[in-house]
Amino acid sequence: MRQDWKTLIEDLFFIIGTGRCGTTLFQSMLSSHSQIAVLPETGFFWKFDPVINFNDPLAESQIEAYICSCTENWWWQDLGLDSEAFAYAVREGMRSSQEIFLGILGQL
């Protein structure tokens, strides 16, 4: 999980917009391209970003509580993320918001 950050960030881009501005249509158009992966909305910045309820980077004493707060969330389960791989990566040193976000994108 951790080794993919550098290559992932080189090709990463975001499409953002307000409600009813055409981003869903644009997402559908991009999804039809064979070399573009359009990921689902992760909710990361309002559900899983450590800075919301913990520290950024995570303190050693916060790791287990943070892992539980993510992996027990219904949104996490809806995304179909591998909870064991995520927990392992966080325990092994993936602690900053950036690292965690890119790790989640790498899983998706």
PDB file of N, CA and C in Angstrom:
ATOM      1  N   MET A   1       0.819  -1.187   0.000  1.00  0.00           N
ATOM      2  CA  MET A   1       0.000   0.000   0.000  1.00  0.00           C
ATOM      3  C   MET A   1       0.868   1.258   0.000  1.00  0.00           C
ATOM      4  N   ARG A   2       1.841   1.318   0.885  1.00  0.00           N
ATOM      5  CA  ARG A   2       2.664   2.510   1.041  1.00  0.00           C
ATOM      6  C   ARG A   2       3.548   2.796  -0.170  1.00  0.00           C
ATOM      7  N   GLN A   3       4.025   1.794  -0.860  1.00  0.00           N
ATOM      8  CA  GLN A   3       4.960   1.992  -1.960  1.00  0.00           C
ATOM      9  C   GLN A   3       4.337   2.648  -3.192  1.00  0.00           C
ATOM     10  N   ASP A   4       3.022   2.683  -3.279  1.00  0.00           N
ATOM     11  CA  ASP A   4       2.353   3.239  -4.449  1.00  0.00           C
ATOM     12  C   ASP A   4       2.134   4.743  -4.373  1.00  0.00           C
ATOM     13  N   TRP A   5       2.442   5.391  -3.260  1.00  0.00           N
ATOM     14  CA  TRP A   5       2.135   6.807  -3.103  1.00  0.00           C
ATOM     15  C   TRP A   5       2.778   7.667  -4.168  1.00  0.00           C
ATOM     16  N   LYS A   6       4.054   7.459  -4.394  1.00  0.00           N
ATOM     17  CA  LYS A   6       4.780   8.340  -5.318  1.00  0.00           C
ATOM     18  C   LYS A   6       4.220   8.265  -6.730  1.00  0.00           C
ATOM     19  N   THR A   7       3.950   7.071  -7.221  1.00  0.00           N
ATOM     20  CA  THR A   7       3.404   6.960  -8.570  1.00  0.00           C
ATOM     21  C   THR A   7       1.960   7.419  -8.618  1.00  0.00           C
ATOM     22  N   LEU A   8       1.210   7.188  -7.558  1.00  0.00           N
ATOM     23  CA  LEU A   8      -0.182   7.600  -7.519  1.00  0.00           C
ATOM     24  C   LEU A   8      -0.307   9.113  -7.573  1.00  0.00           C
ATOM     25  N   ILE A   9       0.508   9.818  -6.819  1.00  0.00           N
ATOM     26  CA  ILE A   9       0.381  11.272  -6.741  1.00  0.00           C
ATOM     27  C   ILE A   9       0.784  11.955  -8.052  1.00  0.00           C
ATOM     28  N   GLU A  10       1.624  11.333  -8.845  1.00  0.00           N
ATOM     29  CA  GLU A  10       2.038  11.927 -10.115  1.00  0.00           C
ATOM     30  C   GLU A  10       0.884  12.039 -11.101  1.00  0.00           C
ATOM     31  N   ASP A  11      -0.039  11.094 -11.072  1.00  0.00           N
ATOM     32  CA  ASP A  11      -1.140  11.074 -12.030  1.00  0.00           C
ATOM     33  C   ASP A  11      -2.482  11.471 -11.425  1.00  0.00           C
ATOM     34  N   LEU A  12      -2.491  11.930 -10.208  1.00  0.00           N
ATOM     35  CA  LEU A  12      -3.716  12.213  -9.492  1.00  0.00           C
ATOM     36  C   LEU A  12      -4.285  13.574  -9.867  1.00  0.00           C
ATOM     37  N   PHE A  13      -5.591  13.624 -10.082  1.00  0.00           N
ATOM     38  CA  PHE A  13      -6.259  14.903 -10.259  1.00  0.00           C
ATOM     39  C   PHE A  13      -7.645  14.812  -9.651  1.00  0.00           C
ATOM     40  N   PHE A  14      -8.208  15.949  -9.319  1.00  0.00           N
ATOM     41  CA  PHE A  14      -9.507  16.003  -8.680  1.00  0.00           C
ATOM     42  C   PHE A  14     -10.467  16.829  -9.519  1.00  0.00           C
ATOM     43  N   ILE A  15     -11.707  16.433  -9.501  1.00  0.00           N
ATOM     44  CA  ILE A  15     -12.773  17.215 -10.107  1.00  0.00           C
ATOM     45  C   ILE A  15     -13.714  17.565  -8.975  1.00  0.00           C
ATOM     46  N   ILE A  16     -13.922  18.846  -8.794  1.00  0.00           N
ATOM     47  CA  ILE A  16     -14.809  19.277  -7.725  1.00  0.00           C
ATOM     48  C   ILE A  16     -15.829  20.251  -8.291  1.00  0.00           C
ATOM     49  N   GLY A  17     -16.922  20.358  -7.631  1.00  0.00           N
ATOM     50  CA  GLY A  17     -17.935  21.309  -8.058  1.00  0.00           C
ATOM     51  C   GLY A  17     -19.077  21.337  -7.067  1.00  0.00           C
ATOM     52  N   THR A  18     -19.912  22.322  -7.204  1.00  0.00           N
ATOM     53  CA  THR A  18     -21.085  22.425  -6.345  1.00  0.00           C
ATOM     54  C   THR A  18     -22.183  21.525  -6.889  1.00  0.00           C
ATOM     55  N   GLY A  19     -23.223  21.354  -6.116  1.00  0.00           N
ATOM     56  CA  GLY A  19     -24.335  20.527  -6.542  1.00  0.00           C
ATOM     57  C   GLY A  19     -24.968  21.032  -7.844  1.00  0.00           C
ATOM     58  N   ARG A  20     -25.337  20.108  -8.701  1.00  0.00           N
ATOM     59  CA  ARG A  20     -26.042  20.370  -9.948  1.00  0.00           C
ATOM     60  C   ARG A  20     -25.248  21.226 -10.935  1.00  0.00           C
ATOM     61  N   CYS A  21     -23.913  21.051 -10.939  1.00  0.00           N
ATOM     62  CA  CYS A  21     -23.093  21.835 -11.861  1.00  0.00           C
ATOM     63  C   CYS A  21     -22.534  20.995 -13.010  1.00  0.00           C
ATOM     64  N   GLY A  22     -22.855  19.697 -13.049  1.00  0.00           N
ATOM     65  CA  GLY A  22     -22.409  18.865 -14.155  1.00  0.00           C
ATOM     66  C   GLY A  22     -21.264  17.914 -13.846  1.00  0.00           C
ATOM     67  N   THR A  23     -20.841  17.834 -12.595  1.00  0.00           N
ATOM     68  CA  THR A  23     -19.715  16.951 -12.276  1.00  0.00           C
ATOM     69  C   THR A  23     -20.075  15.477 -12.460  1.00  0.00           C
ATOM     70  N   THR A  24     -21.323  15.103 -12.212  1.00  0.00           N
ATOM     71  CA  THR A  24     -21.729  13.706 -12.402  1.00  0.00           C
ATOM     72  C   THR A  24     -21.686  13.344 -13.878  1.00  0.00           C
ATOM     73  N   LEU A  25     -22.147  14.222 -14.731  1.00  0.00           N
ATOM     74  CA  LEU A  25     -22.067  13.994 -16.176  1.00  0.00           C
ATOM     75  C   LEU A  25     -20.612  13.894 -16.618  1.00  0.00           C
ATOM     76  N   PHE A  26     -19.796  14.807 -16.128  1.00  0.00           N
ATOM     77  CA  PHE A  26     -18.375  14.785 -16.471  1.00  0.00           C
ATOM     78  C   PHE A  26     -17.716  13.500 -15.983  1.00  0.00           C
ATOM     79  N   GLN A  27     -18.073  13.049 -14.774  1.00  0.00           N
ATOM     80  CA  GLN A  27     -17.551  11.786 -14.248  1.00  0.00           C
ATOM     81  C   GLN A  27     -17.940  10.633 -15.166  1.00  0.00           C
ATOM     82  N   SER A  28     -19.171  10.619 -15.625  1.00  0.00           N
ATOM     83  CA  SER A  28     -19.632   9.558 -16.530  1.00  0.00           C
ATOM     84  C   SER A  28     -18.845   9.569 -17.829  1.00  0.00           C
ATOM     85  N   MET A  29     -18.576  10.743 -18.344  1.00  0.00           N
ATOM     86  CA  MET A  29     -17.818  10.839 -19.597  1.00  0.00           C
ATOM     87  C   MET A  29     -16.390  10.337 -19.402  1.00  0.00           C
ATOM     88  N   LEU A  30     -15.757  10.725 -18.308  1.00  0.00           N
ATOM     89  CA  LEU A  30     -14.394  10.273 -18.034  1.00  0.00           C
ATOM     90  C   LEU A  30     -14.348   8.759 -17.798  1.00  0.00           C
ATOM     91  N   SER A  31     -15.376   8.230 -17.164  1.00  0.00           N
ATOM     92  CA  SER A  31     -15.422   6.790 -16.878  1.00  0.00           C
ATOM     93  C   SER A  31     -15.384   5.942 -18.133  1.00  0.00           C
ATOM     94  N   SER A  32     -15.806   6.491 -19.246  1.00  0.00           N
ATOM     95  CA  SER A  32     -15.822   5.719 -20.484  1.00  0.00           C
ATOM     96  C   SER A  32     -14.433   5.583 -21.115  1.00  0.00           C
ATOM     97  N   HIS A  33     -13.460   6.337 -20.613  1.00  0.00           N
ATOM     98  CA  HIS A  33     -12.092   6.261 -21.146  1.00  0.00           C
ATOM     99  C   HIS A  33     -11.383   5.060 -20.530  1.00  0.00           C
ATOM    100  N   SER A  34     -10.713   4.290 -21.349  1.00  0.00           N
ATOM    101  CA  SER A  34     -10.077   3.052 -20.879  1.00  0.00           C
ATOM    102  C   SER A  34      -8.848   3.272 -19.997  1.00  0.00           C
ATOM    103  N   GLN A  35      -8.260   4.465 -20.025  1.00  0.00           N
ATOM    104  CA  GLN A  35      -7.041   4.689 -19.248  1.00  0.00           C
ATOM    105  C   GLN A  35      -7.244   5.658 -18.084  1.00  0.00           C
ATOM    106  N   ILE A  36      -8.487   5.907 -17.740  1.00  0.00           N
ATOM    107  CA  ILE A  36      -8.787   6.776 -16.610  1.00  0.00           C
ATOM    108  C   ILE A  36      -9.649   6.001 -15.619  1.00  0.00           C
ATOM    109  N   ALA A  37      -9.203   5.979 -14.380  1.00  0.00           N
ATOM    110  CA  ALA A  37      -9.990   5.339 -13.319  1.00  0.00           C
ATOM    111  C   ALA A  37     -10.720   6.433 -12.558  1.00  0.00           C
ATOM    112  N   VAL A  38     -12.019   6.349 -12.541  1.00  0.00           N
ATOM    113  CA  VAL A  38     -12.832   7.301 -11.795  1.00  0.00           C
ATOM    114  C   VAL A  38     -13.297   6.589 -10.525  1.00  0.00           C
ATOM    115  N   LEU A  39     -12.828   7.081  -9.405  1.00  0.00           N
ATOM    116  CA  LEU A  39     -13.111   6.447  -8.128  1.00  0.00           C
ATOM    117  C   LEU A  39     -14.401   6.993  -7.533  1.00  0.00           C
ATOM    118  N   PRO A  40     -15.020   6.234  -6.649  1.00  0.00           N
ATOM    119  CA  PRO A  40     -16.222   6.744  -5.982  1.00  0.00           C
ATOM    120  C   PRO A  40     -15.850   7.854  -5.004  1.00  0.00           C
ATOM    121  N   GLU A  41     -16.836   8.601  -4.615  1.00  0.00           N
ATOM    122  CA  GLU A  41     -16.635   9.627  -3.608  1.00  0.00           C
ATOM    123  C   GLU A  41     -16.244   8.939  -2.299  1.00  0.00           C
ATOM    124  N   THR A  42     -15.110   9.312  -1.734  1.00  0.00           N
ATOM    125  CA  THR A  42     -14.612   8.618  -0.544  1.00  0.00           C
ATOM    126  C   THR A  42     -15.135   9.193   0.766  1.00  0.00           C
ATOM    127  N   GLY A  43     -15.496  10.451   0.781  1.00  0.00           N
ATOM    128  CA  GLY A  43     -15.891  11.080   2.037  1.00  0.00           C
ATOM    129  C   GLY A  43     -14.713  11.279   2.978  1.00  0.00           C
ATOM    130  N   PHE A  44     -13.491  11.118   2.461  1.00  0.00           N
ATOM    131  CA  PHE A  44     -12.298  11.153   3.313  1.00  0.00           C
ATOM    132  C   PHE A  44     -12.220  12.418   4.165  1.00  0.00           C
ATOM    133  N   PHE A  45     -12.396  13.567   3.535  1.00  0.00           N
ATOM    134  CA  PHE A  45     -12.131  14.824   4.239  1.00  0.00           C
ATOM    135  C   PHE A  45     -13.189  15.169   5.285  1.00  0.00           C
ATOM    136  N   TRP A  46     -14.304  14.504   5.299  1.00  0.00           N
ATOM    137  CA  TRP A  46     -15.293  14.734   6.351  1.00  0.00           C
ATOM    138  C   TRP A  46     -15.586  13.482   7.162  1.00  0.00           C
ATOM    139  N   LYS A  47     -14.949  12.350   6.828  1.00  0.00           N
ATOM    140  CA  LYS A  47     -15.169  11.127   7.592  1.00  0.00           C
ATOM    141  C   LYS A  47     -13.881  10.509   8.147  1.00  0.00           C
ATOM    142  N   PHE A  48     -12.810  10.495   7.347  1.00  0.00           N
ATOM    143  CA  PHE A  48     -11.621   9.716   7.709  1.00  0.00           C
ATOM    144  C   PHE A  48     -10.337  10.523   7.929  1.00  0.00           C
ATOM    145  N   ASP A  49     -10.347  11.799   7.628  1.00  0.00           N
ATOM    146  CA  ASP A  49      -9.144  12.612   7.805  1.00  0.00           C
ATOM    147  C   ASP A  49      -8.783  12.633   9.287  1.00  0.00           C
ATOM    148  N   PRO A  50      -7.566  12.219   9.644  1.00  0.00           N
ATOM    149  CA  PRO A  50      -7.180  12.173  11.067  1.00  0.00           C
ATOM    150  C   PRO A  50      -7.339  13.510  11.780  1.00  0.00           C
ATOM    151  N   VAL A  51      -7.180  14.598  11.075  1.00  0.00           N
ATOM    152  CA  VAL A  51      -7.211  15.913  11.711  1.00  0.00           C
ATOM    153  C   VAL A  51      -8.588  16.236  12.313  1.00  0.00           C
ATOM    154  N   ILE A  52      -9.631  15.540  11.903  1.00  0.00           N
ATOM    155  CA  ILE A  52     -10.975  15.807  12.419  1.00  0.00           C
ATOM    156  C   ILE A  52     -11.068  15.482  13.911  1.00  0.00           C
ATOM    157  N   ASN A  53     -10.639  14.290  14.301  1.00  0.00           N
ATOM    158  CA  ASN A  53     -10.760  13.867  15.704  1.00  0.00           C
ATOM    159  C   ASN A  53      -9.440  13.447  16.346  1.00  0.00           C
ATOM    160  N   PHE A  54      -8.365  13.470  15.582  1.00  0.00           N
ATOM    161  CA  PHE A  54      -7.074  13.006  16.074  1.00  0.00           C
ATOM    162  C   PHE A  54      -6.013  14.047  15.711  1.00  0.00           C
ATOM    163  N   ASN A  55      -4.780  13.663  15.656  1.00  0.00           N
ATOM    164  CA  ASN A  55      -3.687  14.546  15.232  1.00  0.00           C
ATOM    165  C   ASN A  55      -3.256  14.195  13.824  1.00  0.00           C
ATOM    166  N   ASP A  56      -2.599  15.127  13.169  1.00  0.00           N
ATOM    167  CA  ASP A  56      -2.001  14.873  11.861  1.00  0.00           C
ATOM    168  C   ASP A  56      -0.546  15.301  11.938  1.00  0.00           C
ATOM    169  N   PRO A  57       0.362  14.347  11.947  1.00  0.00           N
ATOM    170  CA  PRO A  57       0.195  12.902  11.821  1.00  0.00           C
ATOM    171  C   PRO A  57      -0.338  12.294  13.111  1.00  0.00           C
ATOM    172  N   LEU A  58      -0.851  11.083  12.968  1.00  0.00           N
ATOM    173  CA  LEU A  58      -1.390  10.357  14.120  1.00  0.00           C
ATOM    174  C   LEU A  58      -0.311  10.117  15.161  1.00  0.00           C
ATOM    175  N   ALA A  59      -0.669  10.318  16.410  1.00  0.00           N
ATOM    176  CA  ALA A  59       0.234   9.975  17.508  1.00  0.00           C
ATOM    177  C   ALA A  59       0.150   8.464  17.729  1.00  0.00           C
ATOM    178  N   GLU A  60       1.209   7.899  18.232  1.00  0.00           N
ATOM    179  CA  GLU A  60       1.258   6.450  18.499  1.00  0.00           C
ATOM    180  C   GLU A  60       0.071   5.994  19.339  1.00  0.00           C
ATOM    181  N   SER A  61      -0.308   6.797  20.315  1.00  0.00           N
ATOM    182  CA  SER A  61      -1.405   6.439  21.220  1.00  0.00           C
ATOM    183  C   SER A  61      -2.784   6.507  20.543  1.00  0.00           C
ATOM    184  N   GLN A  62      -2.875   7.082  19.358  1.00  0.00           N
ATOM    185  CA  GLN A  62      -4.155   7.247  18.665  1.00  0.00           C
ATOM    186  C   GLN A  62      -4.401   6.210  17.569  1.00  0.00           C
ATOM    187  N   ILE A  63      -3.408   5.434  17.257  1.00  0.00           N
ATOM    188  CA  ILE A  63      -3.476   4.550  16.090  1.00  0.00           C
ATOM    189  C   ILE A  63      -4.660   3.595  16.140  1.00  0.00           C
ATOM    190  N   GLU A  64      -4.812   2.859  17.218  1.00  0.00           N
ATOM    191  CA  GLU A  64      -5.871   1.851  17.284  1.00  0.00           C
ATOM    192  C   GLU A  64      -7.262   2.489  17.244  1.00  0.00           C
ATOM    193  N   ALA A  65      -7.438   3.600  17.955  1.00  0.00           N
ATOM    194  CA  ALA A  65      -8.737   4.284  17.954  1.00  0.00           C
ATOM    195  C   ALA A  65      -9.053   4.819  16.558  1.00  0.00           C
ATOM    196  N   TYR A  66      -8.035   5.341  15.868  1.00  0.00           N
ATOM    197  CA  TYR A  66      -8.257   5.858  14.518  1.00  0.00           C
ATOM    198  C   TYR A  66      -8.636   4.728  13.563  1.00  0.00           C
ATOM    199  N   ILE A  67      -7.915   3.621  13.625  1.00  0.00           N
ATOM    200  CA  ILE A  67      -8.222   2.471  12.761  1.00  0.00           C
ATOM    201  C   ILE A  67      -9.668   2.023  12.981  1.00  0.00           C
ATOM    202  N   CYS A  68     -10.075   1.899  14.235  1.00  0.00           N
ATOM    203  CA  CYS A  68     -11.456   1.495  14.546  1.00  0.00           C
ATOM    204  C   CYS A  68     -12.461   2.512  14.029  1.00  0.00           C
ATOM    205  N   SER A  69     -12.169   3.803  14.195  1.00  0.00           N
ATOM    206  CA  SER A  69     -13.117   4.821  13.747  1.00  0.00           C
ATOM    207  C   SER A  69     -13.325   4.766  12.238  1.00  0.00           C
ATOM    208  N   CYS A  70     -12.307   4.375  11.515  1.00  0.00           N
ATOM    209  CA  CYS A  70     -12.437   4.252  10.056  1.00  0.00           C
ATOM    210  C   CYS A  70     -13.123   2.958   9.660  1.00  0.00           C
ATOM    211  N   THR A  71     -12.574   1.867  10.101  1.00  0.00           N
ATOM    212  CA  THR A  71     -13.019   0.567   9.597  1.00  0.00           C
ATOM    213  C   THR A  71     -14.394   0.149  10.091  1.00  0.00           C
ATOM    214  N   GLU A  72     -14.872   0.749  11.166  1.00  0.00           N
ATOM    215  CA  GLU A  72     -16.208   0.427  11.659  1.00  0.00           C
ATOM    216  C   GLU A  72     -17.282   1.351  11.099  1.00  0.00           C
ATOM    217  N   ASN A  73     -16.869   2.336  10.308  1.00  0.00           N
ATOM    218  CA  ASN A  73     -17.802   3.287   9.714  1.00  0.00           C
ATOM    219  C   ASN A  73     -18.518   2.644   8.529  1.00  0.00           C
ATOM    220  N   TRP A  74     -19.815   2.837   8.415  1.00  0.00           N
ATOM    221  CA  TRP A  74     -20.588   2.231   7.316  1.00  0.00           C
ATOM    222  C   TRP A  74     -20.088   2.698   5.957  1.00  0.00           C
ATOM    223  N   TRP A  75     -19.598   3.933   5.880  1.00  0.00           N
ATOM    224  CA  TRP A  75     -19.102   4.463   4.612  1.00  0.00           C
ATOM    225  C   TRP A  75     -17.880   3.665   4.165  1.00  0.00           C
ATOM    226  N   TRP A  76     -17.006   3.347   5.096  1.00  0.00           N
ATOM    227  CA  TRP A  76     -15.801   2.548   4.822  1.00  0.00           C
ATOM    228  C   TRP A  76     -16.206   1.194   4.258  1.00  0.00           C
ATOM    229  N   GLN A  77     -17.162   0.580   4.903  1.00  0.00           N
ATOM    230  CA  GLN A  77     -17.621  -0.738   4.483  1.00  0.00           C
ATOM    231  C   GLN A  77     -18.286  -0.669   3.109  1.00  0.00           C
ATOM    232  N   ASP A  78     -19.003   0.417   2.840  1.00  0.00           N
ATOM    233  CA  ASP A  78     -19.614   0.614   1.521  1.00  0.00           C
ATOM    234  C   ASP A  78     -18.562   0.741   0.422  1.00  0.00           C
ATOM    235  N   LEU A  79     -17.435   1.346   0.747  1.00  0.00           N
ATOM    236  CA  LEU A  79     -16.362   1.505  -0.238  1.00  0.00           C
ATOM    237  C   LEU A  79     -15.665   0.175  -0.546  1.00  0.00           C
ATOM    238  N   GLY A  80     -15.843  -0.800   0.337  1.00  0.00           N
ATOM    239  CA  GLY A  80     -15.239  -2.112   0.120  1.00  0.00           C
ATOM    240  C   GLY A  80     -13.735  -2.134   0.332  1.00  0.00           C
ATOM    241  N   LEU A  81     -13.251  -1.295   1.221  1.00  0.00           N
ATOM    242  CA  LEU A  81     -11.809  -1.219   1.476  1.00  0.00           C
ATOM    243  C   LEU A  81     -11.350  -2.386   2.347  1.00  0.00           C
ATOM    244  N   ASP A  82     -10.106  -2.776   2.173  1.00  0.00           N
ATOM    245  CA  ASP A  82      -9.516  -3.874   2.937  1.00  0.00           C
ATOM    246  C   ASP A  82      -9.066  -3.350   4.302  1.00  0.00           C
ATOM    247  N   SER A  83      -9.845  -3.630   5.305  1.00  0.00           N
ATOM    248  CA  SER A  83      -9.572  -3.117   6.649  1.00  0.00           C
ATOM    249  C   SER A  83      -8.268  -3.641   7.230  1.00  0.00           C
ATOM    250  N   GLU A  84      -7.953  -4.896   6.982  1.00  0.00           N
ATOM    251  CA  GLU A  84      -6.714  -5.474   7.516  1.00  0.00           C
ATOM    252  C   GLU A  84      -5.480  -4.838   6.883  1.00  0.00           C
ATOM    253  N   ALA A  85      -5.513  -4.640   5.577  1.00  0.00           N
ATOM    254  CA  ALA A  85      -4.376  -4.009   4.893  1.00  0.00           C
ATOM    255  C   ALA A  85      -4.206  -2.566   5.360  1.00  0.00           C
ATOM    256  N   PHE A  86      -5.318  -1.881   5.545  1.00  0.00           N
ATOM    257  CA  PHE A  86      -5.275  -0.502   6.031  1.00  0.00           C
ATOM    258  C   PHE A  86      -4.679  -0.448   7.438  1.00  0.00           C
ATOM    259  N   ALA A  87      -5.181  -1.294   8.330  1.00  0.00           N
ATOM    260  CA  ALA A  87      -4.685  -1.315   9.707  1.00  0.00           C
ATOM    261  C   ALA A  87      -3.186  -1.616   9.738  1.00  0.00           C
ATOM    262  N   TYR A  88      -2.760  -2.563   8.929  1.00  0.00           N
ATOM    263  CA  TYR A  88      -1.336  -2.906   8.865  1.00  0.00           C
ATOM    264  C   TYR A  88      -0.511  -1.701   8.411  1.00  0.00           C
ATOM    265  N   ALA A  89      -0.971  -1.021   7.366  1.00  0.00           N
ATOM    266  CA  ALA A  89      -0.230   0.129   6.827  1.00  0.00           C
ATOM    267  C   ALA A  89      -0.132   1.256   7.851  1.00  0.00           C
ATOM    268  N   VAL A  90      -1.210   1.518   8.570  1.00  0.00           N
ATOM    269  CA  VAL A  90      -1.183   2.578   9.584  1.00  0.00           C
ATOM    270  C   VAL A  90      -0.258   2.183  10.737  1.00  0.00           C
ATOM    271  N   ARG A  91      -0.343   0.958  11.171  1.00  0.00           N
ATOM    272  CA  ARG A  91       0.536   0.493  12.265  1.00  0.00           C
ATOM    273  C   ARG A  91       2.004   0.533  11.863  1.00  0.00           C
ATOM    274  N   GLU A  92       2.278   0.329  10.584  1.00  0.00           N
ATOM    275  CA  GLU A  92       3.661   0.296  10.096  1.00  0.00           C
ATOM    276  C   GLU A  92       4.204   1.673   9.723  1.00  0.00           C
ATOM    277  N   GLY A  93       3.405   2.725   9.858  1.00  0.00           N
ATOM    278  CA  GLY A  93       3.972   4.055   9.645  1.00  0.00           C
ATOM    279  C   GLY A  93       3.190   5.000   8.758  1.00  0.00           C
ATOM    280  N   MET A  94       2.091   4.585   8.192  1.00  0.00           N
ATOM    281  CA  MET A  94       1.273   5.484   7.369  1.00  0.00           C
ATOM    282  C   MET A  94       0.449   6.328   8.341  1.00  0.00           C
ATOM    283  N   ARG A  95       0.906   7.538   8.652  1.00  0.00           N
ATOM    284  CA  ARG A  95       0.286   8.298   9.741  1.00  0.00           C
ATOM    285  C   ARG A  95      -0.254   9.667   9.350  1.00  0.00           C
ATOM    286  N   SER A  96       0.221  10.272   8.282  1.00  0.00           N
ATOM    287  CA  SER A  96      -0.250  11.617   7.931  1.00  0.00           C
ATOM    288  C   SER A  96      -1.519  11.538   7.086  1.00  0.00           C
ATOM    289  N   SER A  97      -2.269  12.621   7.074  1.00  0.00           N
ATOM    290  CA  SER A  97      -3.484  12.686   6.257  1.00  0.00           C
ATOM    291  C   SER A  97      -3.182  12.384   4.795  1.00  0.00           C
ATOM    292  N   GLN A  98      -2.102  12.946   4.292  1.00  0.00           N
ATOM    293  CA  GLN A  98      -1.740  12.735   2.892  1.00  0.00           C
ATOM    294  C   GLN A  98      -1.457  11.260   2.616  1.00  0.00           C
ATOM    295  N   GLU A  99      -0.663  10.639   3.461  1.00  0.00           N
ATOM    296  CA  GLU A  99      -0.330   9.237   3.276  1.00  0.00           C
ATOM    297  C   GLU A  99      -1.574   8.350   3.360  1.00  0.00           C
ATOM    298  N   ILE A 100      -2.422   8.634   4.332  1.00  0.00           N
ATOM    299  CA  ILE A 100      -3.631   7.837   4.509  1.00  0.00           C
ATOM    300  C   ILE A 100      -4.574   8.007   3.333  1.00  0.00           C
ATOM    301  N   PHE A 101      -4.766   9.244   2.887  1.00  0.00           N
ATOM    302  CA  PHE A 101      -5.648   9.511   1.754  1.00  0.00           C
ATOM    303  C   PHE A 101      -5.149   8.799   0.497  1.00  0.00           C
ATOM    304  N   LEU A 102      -3.859   8.906   0.222  1.00  0.00           N
ATOM    305  CA  LEU A 102      -3.309   8.235  -0.958  1.00  0.00           C
ATOM    306  C   LEU A 102      -3.356   6.720  -0.811  1.00  0.00           C
ATOM    307  N   GLY A 103      -3.200   6.210   0.408  1.00  0.00           N
ATOM    308  CA  GLY A 103      -3.321   4.784   0.637  1.00  0.00           C
ATOM    309  C   GLY A 103      -4.731   4.282   0.336  1.00  0.00           C
ATOM    310  N   ILE A 104      -5.724   5.056   0.757  1.00  0.00           N
ATOM    311  CA  ILE A 104      -7.111   4.703   0.476  1.00  0.00           C
ATOM    312  C   ILE A 104      -7.370   4.756  -1.029  1.00  0.00           C
ATOM    313  N   LEU A 105      -6.895   5.795  -1.684  1.00  0.00           N
ATOM    314  CA  LEU A 105      -7.073   5.867  -3.145  1.00  0.00           C
ATOM    315  C   LEU A 105      -6.388   4.700  -3.838  1.00  0.00           C
ATOM    316  N   GLY A 106      -5.225   4.317  -3.325  1.00  0.00           N
ATOM    317  CA  GLY A 106      -4.508   3.181  -3.909  1.00  0.00           C
ATOM    318  C   GLY A 106      -5.312   1.887  -3.786  1.00  0.00           C
ATOM    319  N   GLN A 107      -6.019   1.721  -2.684  1.00  0.00           N
ATOM    320  CA  GLN A 107      -6.869   0.530  -2.518  1.00  0.00           C
ATOM    321  C   GLN A 107      -8.040   0.555  -3.476  1.00  0.00           C
ATOM    322  N   LEU A 108      -8.601   1.739  -3.667  1.00  0.00           N
ATOM    323  CA  LEU A 108      -9.762   1.840  -4.568  1.00  0.00           C
ATOM    324  C   LEU A 108      -9.340   1.599  -6.000  1.00  0.00           C
TER     325      LEU A 108
END
